[in-house]
Amino acid sequence: MSELVPYAVHYLLDGVRQHFFKLAAGFSEVEAIHSASAHAYPESEQKIAPHASLETARNKAQQLGITHIRWNEAI
């Protein structure tokens, strides 16, 4: 069984800083982009698919105004 790790995800939404925390067994750049889109647009169909390619995820995020996505373990 994998242990869940708390991650802090930071991004800009139309130039405004946003952040949130997420528990996950592991994290990748695509997962961070997907999570940021879900956070930015919680009730929208605009979310980025978690199985999208990195290039597709980045392009879609930029179209949604989501940029400068980064994350780190929140220990």
C-alpha atoms as a PDB file:
ATOM      1  CA  MET A   1       0.000   0.000   0.000  1.00  0.00           C
ATOM      2  CA  SER A   2       1.335   3.420  -0.961  1.00  0.00           C
ATOM      3  CA  GLU A   3       1.590   6.152   1.573  1.00  0.00           C
ATOM      4  CA  LEU A   4      -0.147   9.427   0.773  1.00  0.00           C
ATOM      5  CA  VAL A   5       2.072  12.476   0.692  1.00  0.00           C
ATOM      6  CA  PRO A   6       0.801  16.063   1.057  1.00  0.00           C
ATOM      7  CA  TYR A   7       1.713  18.273  -1.904  1.00  0.00           C
ATOM      8  CA  ALA A   8       1.415  22.039  -2.227  1.00  0.00           C
ATOM      9  CA  VAL A   9       0.465  23.080  -5.758  1.00  0.00           C
ATOM     10  CA  HIS A  10       1.044  26.689  -6.856  1.00  0.00           C
ATOM     11  CA  TYR A  11      -0.017  28.334 -10.113  1.00  0.00           C
ATOM     12  CA  LEU A  12      -1.130  31.597 -11.669  1.00  0.00           C
ATOM     13  CA  LEU A  13      -4.708  31.973 -12.910  1.00  0.00           C
ATOM     14  CA  ASP A  14      -4.851  34.956 -15.242  1.00  0.00           C
ATOM     15  CA  GLY A  15      -1.807  36.344 -13.417  1.00  0.00           C
ATOM     16  CA  VAL A  16      -3.246  35.883  -9.901  1.00  0.00           C
ATOM     17  CA  ARG A  17      -1.436  33.542  -7.513  1.00  0.00           C
ATOM     18  CA  GLN A  18      -3.350  30.468  -6.409  1.00  0.00           C
ATOM     19  CA  HIS A  19      -2.394  27.461  -4.316  1.00  0.00           C
ATOM     20  CA  PHE A  20      -3.897  24.400  -2.702  1.00  0.00           C
ATOM     21  CA  PHE A  21      -2.864  21.173  -1.014  1.00  0.00           C
ATOM     22  CA  LYS A  22      -3.434  17.665  -2.311  1.00  0.00           C
ATOM     23  CA  LEU A  23      -2.748  14.209  -0.892  1.00  0.00           C
ATOM     24  CA  ALA A  24      -1.319  11.753  -3.411  1.00  0.00           C
ATOM     25  CA  ALA A  25       0.880   8.659  -3.536  1.00  0.00           C
ATOM     26  CA  GLY A  26       2.966  10.352  -6.232  1.00  0.00           C
ATOM     27  CA  PHE A  27       2.782  13.405  -8.421  1.00  0.00           C
ATOM     28  CA  SER A  28       3.784  14.256 -11.970  1.00  0.00           C
ATOM     29  CA  GLU A  29       3.670  17.422 -14.035  1.00  0.00           C
ATOM     30  CA  VAL A  30       0.517  16.271 -15.853  1.00  0.00           C
ATOM     31  CA  GLU A  31      -1.150  15.456 -12.513  1.00  0.00           C
ATOM     32  CA  ALA A  32      -0.212  18.917 -11.220  1.00  0.00           C
ATOM     33  CA  ILE A  33      -1.677  20.572 -14.329  1.00  0.00           C
ATOM     34  CA  HIS A  34      -4.847  18.451 -14.096  1.00  0.00           C
ATOM     35  CA  SER A  35      -5.218  19.274 -10.381  1.00  0.00           C
ATOM     36  CA  ALA A  36      -4.673  22.996 -11.004  1.00  0.00           C
ATOM     37  CA  SER A  37      -7.374  23.032 -13.683  1.00  0.00           C
ATOM     38  CA  ALA A  38      -9.776  21.202 -11.355  1.00  0.00           C
ATOM     39  CA  HIS A  39      -8.966  23.717  -8.602  1.00  0.00           C
ATOM     40  CA  ALA A  40      -9.340  26.737 -10.893  1.00  0.00           C
ATOM     41  CA  TYR A  41     -12.598  25.542 -12.462  1.00  0.00           C
ATOM     42  CA  PRO A  42     -14.235  23.187  -9.917  1.00  0.00           C
ATOM     43  CA  GLU A  43     -17.703  23.113 -11.493  1.00  0.00           C
ATOM     44  CA  SER A  44     -16.692  23.375 -15.125  1.00  0.00           C
ATOM     45  CA  GLU A  45     -16.166  20.936 -17.942  1.00  0.00           C
ATOM     46  CA  GLN A  46     -12.885  22.783 -18.639  1.00  0.00           C
ATOM     47  CA  LYS A  47     -10.776  20.364 -16.600  1.00  0.00           C
ATOM     48  CA  ILE A  48      -7.727  18.804 -18.219  1.00  0.00           C
ATOM     49  CA  ALA A  49      -7.805  15.026 -18.499  1.00  0.00           C
ATOM     50  CA  PRO A  50      -5.437  13.248 -16.080  1.00  0.00           C
ATOM     51  CA  HIS A  51      -4.275  10.972 -18.916  1.00  0.00           C
ATOM     52  CA  ALA A  52      -3.471  13.827 -21.346  1.00  0.00           C
ATOM     53  CA  SER A  53       0.017  14.127 -22.786  1.00  0.00           C
ATOM     54  CA  LEU A  54       2.249  16.731 -21.171  1.00  0.00           C
ATOM     55  CA  GLU A  55       2.168  18.938 -24.281  1.00  0.00           C
ATOM     56  CA  THR A  56      -1.634  18.768 -24.533  1.00  0.00           C
ATOM     57  CA  ALA A  57      -2.031  19.487 -20.804  1.00  0.00           C
ATOM     58  CA  ARG A  58       0.300  22.494 -20.985  1.00  0.00           C
ATOM     59  CA  ASN A  59      -1.465  23.917 -24.045  1.00  0.00           C
ATOM     60  CA  LYS A  60      -4.947  23.484 -22.557  1.00  0.00           C
ATOM     61  CA  ALA A  61      -3.822  25.027 -19.241  1.00  0.00           C
ATOM     62  CA  GLN A  62      -2.432  28.049 -21.050  1.00  0.00           C
ATOM     63  CA  GLN A  63      -5.729  28.447 -22.969  1.00  0.00           C
ATOM     64  CA  LEU A  64      -7.527  28.436 -19.588  1.00  0.00           C
ATOM     65  CA  GLY A  65      -5.191  31.116 -18.187  1.00  0.00           C
ATOM     66  CA  ILE A  66      -3.346  28.660 -15.925  1.00  0.00           C
ATOM     67  CA  THR A  67       0.427  29.200 -15.976  1.00  0.00           C
ATOM     68  CA  HIS A  68       3.562  28.794 -13.865  1.00  0.00           C
ATOM     69  CA  ILE A  69       2.412  25.533 -12.271  1.00  0.00           C
ATOM     70  CA  ARG A  70       4.778  24.097  -9.695  1.00  0.00           C
ATOM     71  CA  TRP A  71       4.481  21.779  -6.742  1.00  0.00           C
ATOM     72  CA  ASN A  72       6.461  20.479  -3.827  1.00  0.00           C
ATOM     73  CA  GLU A  73       6.013  18.147  -0.902  1.00  0.00           C
ATOM     74  CA  ALA A  74       4.320  20.049   1.903  1.00  0.00           C
ATOM     75  CA  ILE A  75       6.150  18.603   4.850  1.00  0.00           C
END
